[in-house]
Amino acid sequence: MRFFTPSPLHHRLGLVCLGVGLQHGALPTVGPRTLDHHVAVIVNSGTGWFKGPDGRRAPVTGPSLLWLTPGTPHHYGADPGTGWDESFVDFTGPATTTYAELGYIEPDRPLVPLADTAAPRAAVGRIVRAARRGNPLLEVETGAAVHELLVSLRRARADIGPDGDPVLQALARDAYQPLTVAQHASRHGMTPAELRTAVRRGAGCSPKDYLLGIRLGRAKELLAATDLPVAAVARRVGYDDPAYFSRLFARRVGTAPVRFREQQGRSVPGGWSDQVPDPDDPPTIGP
């Protein structure tokens, strides 16, 4: 176990790591206690139990995640006969509020089944390696790794398939079609309210904002990488009214489409490829 005391300046980065630990075996029971910060307890394997504020004892089977949130009483432990293999990370910072709003931290669901812990354990490993004594970058490196940990835990949830949420995938595929939220919901046999709940749980935002983010992202790519007129870009991303598109783009992006093109234009002969290169096998440039 290692514990840290980041400075007030480091807290302004949004997230800071307060401690990290790797433990296994028949570990001592934790609590009952209440903390003033967040802890992610990753149970990689083994069995045990968890009690939240309601006092009910829930079984824990790895791989699982225990969310310990500020001001919330908790009590947990590994089964004495089997024990468990756990990693824990203590953290705090103003960004925790936003992560909770986006659904990455779930105060109302303290016990979360995981599909796999390889990626979260890798993030914890980065914290452990950065925690060497005398590391001048310790607070920044460990804080950055907490961001990575929250993303990896969100992706590792057992209720999300390896390819992501099918509802979000379908919305992304149909994002450029001129459909209302109600029409998108109908395509999935859902009510608009059910679609809103599913998208907020999966993406941390409303269906409208999720679709808008995809549309504006593609519009930026077309503006930067092609010479298409703004009206044509608008139609490509689902807007028949170029004036409305321009107003919406300016309001959300902070600059008009034409100005964005002036700043970010990167036209190349033959156009840009839509293929994302493999970082482990980058393309080579011939002589």
C-alpha atoms as a PDB file:
ATOM      1  CA  MET A   1       0.000   0.000   0.000  1.00  0.00           C
ATOM      2  CA  ARG A   2       1.141   3.547  -0.777  1.00  0.00           C
ATOM      3  CA  PHE A   3      -0.628   6.767   0.194  1.00  0.00           C
ATOM      4  CA  PHE A   4      -0.095  10.292  -1.142  1.00  0.00           C
ATOM      5  CA  THR A   5      -0.943  13.870  -0.185  1.00  0.00           C
ATOM      6  CA  PRO A   6      -1.260  15.941  -3.390  1.00  0.00           C
ATOM      7  CA  SER A   7      -0.980  19.703  -3.098  1.00  0.00           C
ATOM      8  CA  PRO A   8      -3.920  22.109  -3.604  1.00  0.00           C
ATOM      9  CA  LEU A   9      -2.473  22.935  -7.025  1.00  0.00           C
ATOM     10  CA  HIS A  10      -2.632  19.270  -8.068  1.00  0.00           C
ATOM     11  CA  HIS A  11      -6.267  19.106  -6.944  1.00  0.00           C
ATOM     12  CA  ARG A  12      -7.023  21.721  -9.583  1.00  0.00           C
ATOM     13  CA  LEU A  13      -6.178  19.130 -12.251  1.00  0.00           C
ATOM     14  CA  GLY A  14      -9.586  17.571 -11.489  1.00  0.00           C
ATOM     15  CA  LEU A  15      -8.577  14.191 -10.102  1.00  0.00           C
ATOM     16  CA  VAL A  16      -5.834  13.213  -7.689  1.00  0.00           C
ATOM     17  CA  CYS A  17      -4.801   9.812  -6.421  1.00  0.00           C
ATOM     18  CA  LEU A  18      -4.666   9.477  -2.627  1.00  0.00           C
ATOM     19  CA  GLY A  19      -3.519   5.876  -2.413  1.00  0.00           C
ATOM     20  CA  VAL A  20      -3.117   2.525  -4.122  1.00  0.00           C
ATOM     21  CA  GLY A  21      -2.865  -1.038  -2.889  1.00  0.00           C
ATOM     22  CA  LEU A  22      -2.571  -4.629  -4.113  1.00  0.00           C
ATOM     23  CA  GLN A  23      -3.673  -7.345  -1.677  1.00  0.00           C
ATOM     24  CA  HIS A  24      -4.683 -10.990  -1.785  1.00  0.00           C
ATOM     25  CA  GLY A  25      -5.657 -13.810   0.525  1.00  0.00           C
ATOM     26  CA  ALA A  26      -7.850 -13.924   3.627  1.00  0.00           C
ATOM     27  CA  LEU A  27      -7.752 -10.184   4.209  1.00  0.00           C
ATOM     28  CA  PRO A  28      -9.091  -8.474   7.347  1.00  0.00           C
ATOM     29  CA  THR A  29     -12.635  -7.108   7.236  1.00  0.00           C
ATOM     30  CA  VAL A  30     -12.948  -3.423   6.325  1.00  0.00           C
ATOM     31  CA  GLY A  31     -15.317  -1.233   8.357  1.00  0.00           C
ATOM     32  CA  PRO A  32     -17.936  -0.418   9.236  1.00  0.00           C
ATOM     33  CA  ARG A  33     -16.613   2.992   8.222  1.00  0.00           C
ATOM     34  CA  THR A  34     -17.431   6.157   6.258  1.00  0.00           C
ATOM     35  CA  LEU A  35     -14.880   7.984   4.080  1.00  0.00           C
ATOM     36  CA  ASP A  36     -14.591  11.541   2.771  1.00  0.00           C
ATOM     37  CA  HIS A  37     -13.288  10.472  -0.651  1.00  0.00           C
ATOM     38  CA  HIS A  38     -13.834   7.844  -3.358  1.00  0.00           C
ATOM     39  CA  VAL A  39     -12.311   4.372  -3.500  1.00  0.00           C
ATOM     40  CA  ALA A  40     -12.519   1.852  -6.326  1.00  0.00           C
ATOM     41  CA  VAL A  41     -11.975  -1.659  -4.960  1.00  0.00           C
ATOM     42  CA  ILE A  42     -11.417  -4.113  -7.805  1.00  0.00           C
ATOM     43  CA  VAL A  43     -11.945  -7.723  -6.783  1.00  0.00           C
ATOM     44  CA  ASN A  44     -10.080  -9.625  -9.461  1.00  0.00           C
ATOM     45  CA  SER A  45     -10.920 -13.106  -8.172  1.00  0.00           C
ATOM     46  CA  GLY A  46     -12.272 -14.807  -5.072  1.00  0.00           C
ATOM     47  CA  THR A  47     -15.425 -14.342  -3.011  1.00  0.00           C
ATOM     48  CA  GLY A  48     -16.638 -12.249  -0.115  1.00  0.00           C
ATOM     49  CA  TRP A  49     -19.444  -9.935   0.943  1.00  0.00           C
ATOM     50  CA  PHE A  50     -20.430  -6.270   1.009  1.00  0.00           C
ATOM     51  CA  LYS A  51     -22.818  -4.217   3.163  1.00  0.00           C
ATOM     52  CA  GLY A  52     -23.965  -0.754   2.168  1.00  0.00           C
ATOM     53  CA  PRO A  53     -26.069   1.829   4.028  1.00  0.00           C
ATOM     54  CA  ASP A  54     -29.125  -0.450   3.983  1.00  0.00           C
ATOM     55  CA  GLY A  55     -27.256  -3.024   6.093  1.00  0.00           C
ATOM     56  CA  ARG A  56     -28.031  -5.891   3.735  1.00  0.00           C
ATOM     57  CA  ARG A  57     -25.211  -8.334   3.101  1.00  0.00           C
ATOM     58  CA  ALA A  58     -24.626  -8.952  -0.617  1.00  0.00           C
ATOM     59  CA  PRO A  59     -22.323 -11.687  -1.920  1.00  0.00           C
ATOM     60  CA  VAL A  60     -19.292 -10.592  -3.922  1.00  0.00           C
ATOM     61  CA  THR A  61     -17.716 -12.796  -6.573  1.00  0.00           C
ATOM     62  CA  GLY A  62     -14.757 -11.639  -8.639  1.00  0.00           C
ATOM     63  CA  PRO A  63     -14.389 -10.056 -11.044  1.00  0.00           C
ATOM     64  CA  SER A  64     -16.352  -7.256  -9.398  1.00  0.00           C
ATOM     65  CA  LEU A  65     -16.036  -3.605  -8.494  1.00  0.00           C
ATOM     66  CA  LEU A  66     -16.916  -2.032  -5.145  1.00  0.00           C
ATOM     67  CA  TRP A  67     -17.620   1.706  -5.242  1.00  0.00           C
ATOM     68  CA  LEU A  68     -16.937   3.398  -1.904  1.00  0.00           C
ATOM     69  CA  THR A  69     -18.257   6.962  -2.103  1.00  0.00           C
ATOM     70  CA  PRO A  70     -17.908   9.919   0.272  1.00  0.00           C
ATOM     71  CA  GLY A  71     -20.280   9.979   3.219  1.00  0.00           C
ATOM     72  CA  THR A  72     -21.651   6.489   2.522  1.00  0.00           C
ATOM     73  CA  PRO A  73     -21.258   3.854   5.269  1.00  0.00           C
ATOM     74  CA  HIS A  74     -19.845   0.524   4.072  1.00  0.00           C
ATOM     75  CA  HIS A  75     -18.546  -2.755   5.447  1.00  0.00           C
ATOM     76  CA  TYR A  76     -16.991  -5.584   3.438  1.00  0.00           C
ATOM     77  CA  GLY A  77     -14.603  -8.477   3.542  1.00  0.00           C
ATOM     78  CA  ALA A  78     -13.236 -11.541   1.792  1.00  0.00           C
ATOM     79  CA  ASP A  79     -14.485 -14.998   2.765  1.00  0.00           C
ATOM     80  CA  PRO A  80     -12.051 -16.393   5.350  1.00  0.00           C
ATOM     81  CA  GLY A  81     -11.803 -19.739   3.593  1.00  0.00           C
ATOM     82  CA  THR A  82     -11.204 -18.523   0.043  1.00  0.00           C
ATOM     83  CA  GLY A  83     -10.051 -14.933   0.365  1.00  0.00           C
ATOM     84  CA  TRP A  84      -9.820 -12.729  -2.695  1.00  0.00           C
ATOM     85  CA  ASP A  85      -7.356 -10.839  -4.900  1.00  0.00           C
ATOM     86  CA  GLU A  86      -8.019  -7.095  -4.811  1.00  0.00           C
ATOM     87  CA  SER A  87      -6.633  -3.807  -6.050  1.00  0.00           C
ATOM     88  CA  PHE A  88      -7.790  -0.505  -4.602  1.00  0.00           C
ATOM     89  CA  VAL A  89      -7.338   3.121  -5.579  1.00  0.00           C
ATOM     90  CA  ASP A  90      -8.303   6.073  -3.347  1.00  0.00           C
ATOM     91  CA  PHE A  91      -9.006   9.306  -5.216  1.00  0.00           C
ATOM     92  CA  THR A  92     -10.766  12.641  -5.003  1.00  0.00           C
ATOM     93  CA  GLY A  93     -11.170  15.911  -6.889  1.00  0.00           C
ATOM     94  CA  PRO A  94     -13.845  18.114  -8.474  1.00  0.00           C
ATOM     95  CA  ALA A  95     -14.007  15.908 -11.585  1.00  0.00           C
ATOM     96  CA  THR A  96     -15.613  13.111  -9.539  1.00  0.00           C
ATOM     97  CA  THR A  97     -18.925  14.999  -9.713  1.00  0.00           C
ATOM     98  CA  THR A  98     -18.852  15.020 -13.505  1.00  0.00           C
ATOM     99  CA  TYR A  99     -17.777  11.378 -13.708  1.00  0.00           C
ATOM    100  CA  ALA A 100     -20.762  10.481 -11.515  1.00  0.00           C
ATOM    101  CA  GLU A 101     -23.119  12.514 -13.727  1.00  0.00           C
ATOM    102  CA  LEU A 102     -21.759  10.669 -16.778  1.00  0.00           C
ATOM    103  CA  GLY A 103     -22.296   7.289 -15.094  1.00  0.00           C
ATOM    104  CA  TYR A 104     -18.639   6.317 -14.745  1.00  0.00           C
ATOM    105  CA  ILE A 105     -18.935   6.416 -10.939  1.00  0.00           C
ATOM    106  CA  GLU A 106     -22.158   4.869  -9.637  1.00  0.00           C
ATOM    107  CA  PRO A 107     -22.963   5.902  -6.052  1.00  0.00           C
ATOM    108  CA  ASP A 108     -26.342   4.152  -6.237  1.00  0.00           C
ATOM    109  CA  ARG A 109     -24.791   0.869  -7.413  1.00  0.00           C
ATOM    110  CA  PRO A 110     -21.879   0.125  -5.067  1.00  0.00           C
ATOM    111  CA  LEU A 111     -21.424  -3.457  -6.293  1.00  0.00           C
ATOM    112  CA  VAL A 112     -20.816  -3.769 -10.046  1.00  0.00           C
ATOM    113  CA  PRO A 113     -20.078  -7.115 -11.777  1.00  0.00           C
ATOM    114  CA  LEU A 114     -17.194  -6.852 -14.232  1.00  0.00           C
ATOM    115  CA  ALA A 115     -16.549  -8.872 -17.367  1.00  0.00           C
ATOM    116  CA  ASP A 116     -12.783  -8.598 -17.115  1.00  0.00           C
ATOM    117  CA  THR A 117     -10.235  -6.733 -15.001  1.00  0.00           C
ATOM    118  CA  ALA A 118      -7.215  -6.764 -17.334  1.00  0.00           C
ATOM    119  CA  ALA A 119      -7.529  -3.095 -18.390  1.00  0.00           C
ATOM    120  CA  PRO A 120      -8.340  -1.774 -14.888  1.00  0.00           C
ATOM    121  CA  ARG A 121      -5.415  -3.742 -13.463  1.00  0.00           C
ATOM    122  CA  ALA A 122      -3.139  -2.214 -16.102  1.00  0.00           C
ATOM    123  CA  ALA A 123      -4.251   1.268 -14.998  1.00  0.00           C
ATOM    124  CA  VAL A 124      -3.611   0.346 -11.361  1.00  0.00           C
ATOM    125  CA  GLY A 125      -0.203  -0.960 -12.420  1.00  0.00           C
ATOM    126  CA  ARG A 126       0.634   2.440 -13.892  1.00  0.00           C
ATOM    127  CA  ILE A 127      -0.235   4.054 -10.563  1.00  0.00           C
ATOM    128  CA  VAL A 128       1.946   1.548  -8.726  1.00  0.00           C
ATOM    129  CA  ARG A 129       4.897   2.176 -11.033  1.00  0.00           C
ATOM    130  CA  ALA A 130       4.504   5.948 -10.714  1.00  0.00           C
ATOM    131  CA  ALA A 131       4.384   5.617  -6.921  1.00  0.00           C
ATOM    132  CA  ARG A 132       8.099   4.982  -6.593  1.00  0.00           C
ATOM    133  CA  ARG A 133       9.606   7.202  -3.934  1.00  0.00           C
ATOM    134  CA  GLY A 134      11.256  10.327  -5.212  1.00  0.00           C
ATOM    135  CA  ASN A 135       9.273  10.464  -8.462  1.00  0.00           C
ATOM    136  CA  PRO A 136       8.867  14.215  -9.165  1.00  0.00           C
ATOM    137  CA  LEU A 137       5.910  13.513 -11.473  1.00  0.00           C
ATOM    138  CA  LEU A 138       4.062  11.274  -8.985  1.00  0.00           C
ATOM    139  CA  GLU A 139       0.942  13.385  -8.447  1.00  0.00           C
ATOM    140  CA  VAL A 140       0.398  14.145 -12.140  1.00  0.00           C
ATOM    141  CA  GLU A 141       1.139  10.600 -13.331  1.00  0.00           C
ATOM    142  CA  THR A 142      -1.093   8.959 -10.719  1.00  0.00           C
ATOM    143  CA  GLY A 143      -3.895  11.489 -11.331  1.00  0.00           C
ATOM    144  CA  ALA A 144      -3.778  10.812 -15.072  1.00  0.00           C
ATOM    145  CA  ALA A 145      -3.939   7.081 -14.373  1.00  0.00           C
ATOM    146  CA  VAL A 146      -7.090   7.571 -12.258  1.00  0.00           C
ATOM    147  CA  HIS A 147      -8.808   9.066 -15.318  1.00  0.00           C
ATOM    148  CA  GLU A 148      -7.696   6.003 -17.274  1.00  0.00           C
ATOM    149  CA  LEU A 149      -8.909   3.712 -14.503  1.00  0.00           C
ATOM    150  CA  LEU A 150     -12.413   5.215 -14.529  1.00  0.00           C
ATOM    151  CA  VAL A 151     -12.679   4.737 -18.286  1.00  0.00           C
ATOM    152  CA  SER A 152     -11.422   1.145 -18.117  1.00  0.00           C
ATOM    153  CA  LEU A 153     -13.841   0.295 -15.302  1.00  0.00           C
ATOM    154  CA  ARG A 154     -16.716   1.748 -17.309  1.00  0.00           C
ATOM    155  CA  ARG A 155     -15.736  -0.377 -20.305  1.00  0.00           C
ATOM    156  CA  ALA A 156     -15.253  -3.510 -18.165  1.00  0.00           C
ATOM    157  CA  ARG A 157     -18.800  -3.574 -16.785  1.00  0.00           C
ATOM    158  CA  ALA A 158     -20.411  -6.960 -17.299  1.00  0.00           C
ATOM    159  CA  ASP A 159     -23.655  -5.407 -18.590  1.00  0.00           C
ATOM    160  CA  ILE A 160     -21.842  -3.941 -21.613  1.00  0.00           C
ATOM    161  CA  GLY A 161     -20.718  -6.250 -24.417  1.00  0.00           C
ATOM    162  CA  PRO A 162     -17.166  -6.162 -25.793  1.00  0.00           C
ATOM    163  CA  ASP A 163     -18.373  -4.083 -28.746  1.00  0.00           C
ATOM    164  CA  GLY A 164     -20.304  -1.644 -26.566  1.00  0.00           C
ATOM    165  CA  ASP A 165     -24.000  -0.980 -26.052  1.00  0.00           C
ATOM    166  CA  PRO A 166     -26.038  -2.130 -29.098  1.00  0.00           C
ATOM    167  CA  VAL A 167     -28.469   0.784 -28.697  1.00  0.00           C
ATOM    168  CA  LEU A 168     -25.623   3.296 -28.863  1.00  0.00           C
ATOM    169  CA  GLN A 169     -24.117   1.452 -31.820  1.00  0.00           C
ATOM    170  CA  ALA A 170     -27.402   1.647 -33.702  1.00  0.00           C
ATOM    171  CA  LEU A 171     -27.844   5.337 -32.898  1.00  0.00           C
ATOM    172  CA  ALA A 172     -24.323   6.043 -34.148  1.00  0.00           C
ATOM    173  CA  ARG A 173     -25.025   4.130 -37.367  1.00  0.00           C
ATOM    174  CA  ASP A 174     -28.243   6.108 -37.991  1.00  0.00           C
ATOM    175  CA  ALA A 175     -26.985   9.442 -36.643  1.00  0.00           C
ATOM    176  CA  TYR A 176     -26.961  11.215 -40.018  1.00  0.00           C
ATOM    177  CA  GLN A 177     -30.548  10.328 -40.898  1.00  0.00           C
ATOM    178  CA  PRO A 178     -33.154  13.066 -40.324  1.00  0.00           C
ATOM    179  CA  LEU A 179     -34.946  11.201 -37.520  1.00  0.00           C
ATOM    180  CA  THR A 180     -36.444  12.546 -34.311  1.00  0.00           C
ATOM    181  CA  VAL A 181     -35.642  10.991 -30.943  1.00  0.00           C
ATOM    182  CA  ALA A 182     -39.123   9.444 -30.947  1.00  0.00           C
ATOM    183  CA  GLN A 183     -38.450   7.879 -34.355  1.00  0.00           C
ATOM    184  CA  HIS A 184     -35.104   6.494 -33.182  1.00  0.00           C
ATOM    185  CA  ALA A 185     -36.864   5.025 -30.131  1.00  0.00           C
ATOM    186  CA  SER A 186     -39.563   3.443 -32.282  1.00  0.00           C
ATOM    187  CA  ARG A 187     -36.899   1.719 -34.403  1.00  0.00           C
ATOM    188  CA  HIS A 188     -35.689  -0.050 -31.260  1.00  0.00           C
ATOM    189  CA  GLY A 189     -39.140  -0.892 -29.926  1.00  0.00           C
ATOM    190  CA  MET A 190     -38.657   1.593 -27.093  1.00  0.00           C
ATOM    191  CA  THR A 191     -40.505   4.601 -25.791  1.00  0.00           C
ATOM    192  CA  PRO A 192     -38.639   7.929 -25.913  1.00  0.00           C
ATOM    193  CA  ALA A 193     -38.297   7.759 -22.122  1.00  0.00           C
ATOM    194  CA  GLU A 194     -36.768   4.270 -22.301  1.00  0.00           C
ATOM    195  CA  LEU A 195     -34.338   5.428 -24.982  1.00  0.00           C
ATOM    196  CA  ARG A 196     -33.334   8.438 -22.884  1.00  0.00           C
ATOM    197  CA  THR A 197     -32.679   6.168 -19.902  1.00  0.00           C
ATOM    198  CA  ALA A 198     -30.628   3.720 -21.986  1.00  0.00           C
ATOM    199  CA  VAL A 199     -28.516   6.430 -23.619  1.00  0.00           C
ATOM    200  CA  ARG A 200     -27.906   8.303 -20.374  1.00  0.00           C
ATOM    201  CA  ARG A 201     -26.805   5.090 -18.690  1.00  0.00           C
ATOM    202  CA  GLY A 202     -24.584   4.119 -21.605  1.00  0.00           C
ATOM    203  CA  ALA A 203     -23.172   7.492 -22.685  1.00  0.00           C
ATOM    204  CA  GLY A 204     -23.939   9.862 -19.824  1.00  0.00           C
ATOM    205  CA  CYS A 205     -26.009  12.256 -21.930  1.00  0.00           C
ATOM    206  CA  SER A 206     -29.359  12.597 -23.694  1.00  0.00           C
ATOM    207  CA  PRO A 207     -30.020  10.938 -27.080  1.00  0.00           C
ATOM    208  CA  LYS A 208     -30.139  14.406 -28.656  1.00  0.00           C
ATOM    209  CA  ASP A 209     -26.693  15.334 -27.327  1.00  0.00           C
ATOM    210  CA  TYR A 210     -25.284  11.916 -28.230  1.00  0.00           C
ATOM    211  CA  LEU A 211     -26.458  12.247 -31.832  1.00  0.00           C
ATOM    212  CA  LEU A 212     -25.370  15.877 -32.014  1.00  0.00           C
ATOM    213  CA  GLY A 213     -21.870  14.987 -30.872  1.00  0.00           C
ATOM    214  CA  ILE A 214     -21.546  12.407 -33.643  1.00  0.00           C
ATOM    215  CA  ARG A 215     -22.939  14.767 -36.283  1.00  0.00           C
ATOM    216  CA  LEU A 216     -20.718  17.688 -35.313  1.00  0.00           C
ATOM    217  CA  GLY A 217     -17.661  15.456 -35.119  1.00  0.00           C
ATOM    218  CA  ARG A 218     -18.242  14.272 -38.682  1.00  0.00           C
ATOM    219  CA  ALA A 219     -18.980  17.822 -39.836  1.00  0.00           C
ATOM    220  CA  LYS A 220     -15.632  18.969 -38.443  1.00  0.00           C
ATOM    221  CA  GLU A 221     -13.858  16.169 -40.313  1.00  0.00           C
ATOM    222  CA  LEU A 222     -15.534  17.122 -43.593  1.00  0.00           C
ATOM    223  CA  LEU A 223     -14.785  20.804 -43.094  1.00  0.00           C
ATOM    224  CA  ALA A 224     -11.144  20.138 -42.270  1.00  0.00           C
ATOM    225  CA  ALA A 225     -10.396  17.459 -44.857  1.00  0.00           C
ATOM    226  CA  THR A 226     -12.548  18.327 -47.891  1.00  0.00           C
ATOM    227  CA  ASP A 227     -13.518  21.306 -50.021  1.00  0.00           C
ATOM    228  CA  LEU A 228     -17.249  20.555 -49.799  1.00  0.00           C
ATOM    229  CA  PRO A 229     -19.434  23.662 -49.445  1.00  0.00           C
ATOM    230  CA  VAL A 230     -20.922  24.180 -46.000  1.00  0.00           C
ATOM    231  CA  ALA A 231     -24.387  23.373 -47.341  1.00  0.00           C
ATOM    232  CA  ALA A 232     -23.132  20.007 -48.623  1.00  0.00           C
ATOM    233  CA  VAL A 233     -21.470  19.275 -45.285  1.00  0.00           C
ATOM    234  CA  ALA A 234     -24.750  20.081 -43.545  1.00  0.00           C
ATOM    235  CA  ARG A 235     -26.659  17.632 -45.759  1.00  0.00           C
ATOM    236  CA  ARG A 236     -24.024  14.916 -45.232  1.00  0.00           C
ATOM    237  CA  VAL A 237     -24.576  15.045 -41.470  1.00  0.00           C
ATOM    238  CA  GLY A 238     -28.369  15.207 -41.557  1.00  0.00           C
ATOM    239  CA  TYR A 239     -29.314  18.899 -41.822  1.00  0.00           C
ATOM    240  CA  ASP A 240     -31.282  20.098 -44.841  1.00  0.00           C
ATOM    241  CA  ASP A 241     -31.164  23.727 -43.691  1.00  0.00           C
ATOM    242  CA  PRO A 242     -27.553  24.992 -43.950  1.00  0.00           C
ATOM    243  CA  ALA A 243     -28.378  28.196 -42.049  1.00  0.00           C
ATOM    244  CA  TYR A 244     -29.714  26.205 -39.099  1.00  0.00           C
ATOM    245  CA  PHE A 245     -26.663  23.934 -39.265  1.00  0.00           C
ATOM    246  CA  SER A 246     -24.314  26.939 -39.223  1.00  0.00           C
ATOM    247  CA  ARG A 247     -26.068  28.477 -36.211  1.00  0.00           C
ATOM    248  CA  LEU A 248     -26.021  25.148 -34.350  1.00  0.00           C
ATOM    249  CA  PHE A 249     -22.366  24.551 -35.223  1.00  0.00           C
ATOM    250  CA  ALA A 250     -21.357  28.038 -34.064  1.00  0.00           C
ATOM    251  CA  ARG A 251     -23.304  27.713 -30.812  1.00  0.00           C
ATOM    252  CA  ARG A 252     -21.837  24.304 -29.892  1.00  0.00           C
ATOM    253  CA  VAL A 253     -18.318  24.615 -31.340  1.00  0.00           C
ATOM    254  CA  GLY A 254     -17.798  28.298 -30.600  1.00  0.00           C
ATOM    255  CA  THR A 255     -16.936  29.313 -34.145  1.00  0.00           C
ATOM    256  CA  ALA A 256     -18.689  29.336 -37.517  1.00  0.00           C
ATOM    257  CA  PRO A 257     -18.127  26.425 -39.950  1.00  0.00           C
ATOM    258  CA  VAL A 258     -16.232  28.648 -42.388  1.00  0.00           C
ATOM    259  CA  ARG A 259     -13.948  29.923 -39.649  1.00  0.00           C
ATOM    260  CA  PHE A 260     -13.376  26.382 -38.390  1.00  0.00           C
ATOM    261  CA  ARG A 261     -12.281  25.375 -41.894  1.00  0.00           C
ATOM    262  CA  GLU A 262      -9.880  28.309 -42.061  1.00  0.00           C
ATOM    263  CA  GLN A 263      -8.297  27.233 -38.773  1.00  0.00           C
ATOM    264  CA  GLN A 264      -8.280  23.460 -39.222  1.00  0.00           C
ATOM    265  CA  GLY A 265      -8.275  22.846 -42.962  1.00  0.00           C
ATOM    266  CA  ARG A 266      -5.880  20.035 -43.905  1.00  0.00           C
ATOM    267  CA  SER A 267      -6.794  19.101 -47.475  1.00  0.00           C
ATOM    268  CA  VAL A 268      -4.444  16.537 -48.984  1.00  0.00           C
ATOM    269  CA  PRO A 269      -4.261  15.078 -52.523  1.00  0.00           C
ATOM    270  CA  GLY A 270      -6.574  12.074 -52.719  1.00  0.00           C
ATOM    271  CA  GLY A 271      -8.275  12.917 -49.426  1.00  0.00           C
ATOM    272  CA  TRP A 272      -7.863  11.517 -45.953  1.00  0.00           C
ATOM    273  CA  SER A 273      -8.252   7.862 -45.081  1.00  0.00           C
ATOM    274  CA  ASP A 274     -11.070   6.788 -42.771  1.00  0.00           C
ATOM    275  CA  GLN A 275      -8.951   3.903 -41.473  1.00  0.00           C
ATOM    276  CA  VAL A 276      -7.545   4.362 -37.971  1.00  0.00           C
ATOM    277  CA  PRO A 277      -3.918   3.146 -37.959  1.00  0.00           C
ATOM    278  CA  ASP A 278      -2.873   0.470 -35.512  1.00  0.00           C
ATOM    279  CA  PRO A 279      -0.599   2.168 -32.941  1.00  0.00           C
ATOM    280  CA  ASP A 280       1.323  -1.086 -32.565  1.00  0.00           C
ATOM    281  CA  ASP A 281       1.899  -1.379 -36.316  1.00  0.00           C
ATOM    282  CA  PRO A 282       2.100   2.138 -37.784  1.00  0.00           C
ATOM    283  CA  PRO A 283       2.239   2.533 -41.565  1.00  0.00           C
ATOM    284  CA  THR A 284       5.646   3.068 -43.097  1.00  0.00           C
ATOM    285  CA  ILE A 285       6.485   5.773 -45.581  1.00  0.00           C
ATOM    286  CA  GLY A 286       8.340   4.507 -48.618  1.00  0.00           C
ATOM    287  CA  PRO A 287      11.585   6.006 -49.897  1.00  0.00           C
END
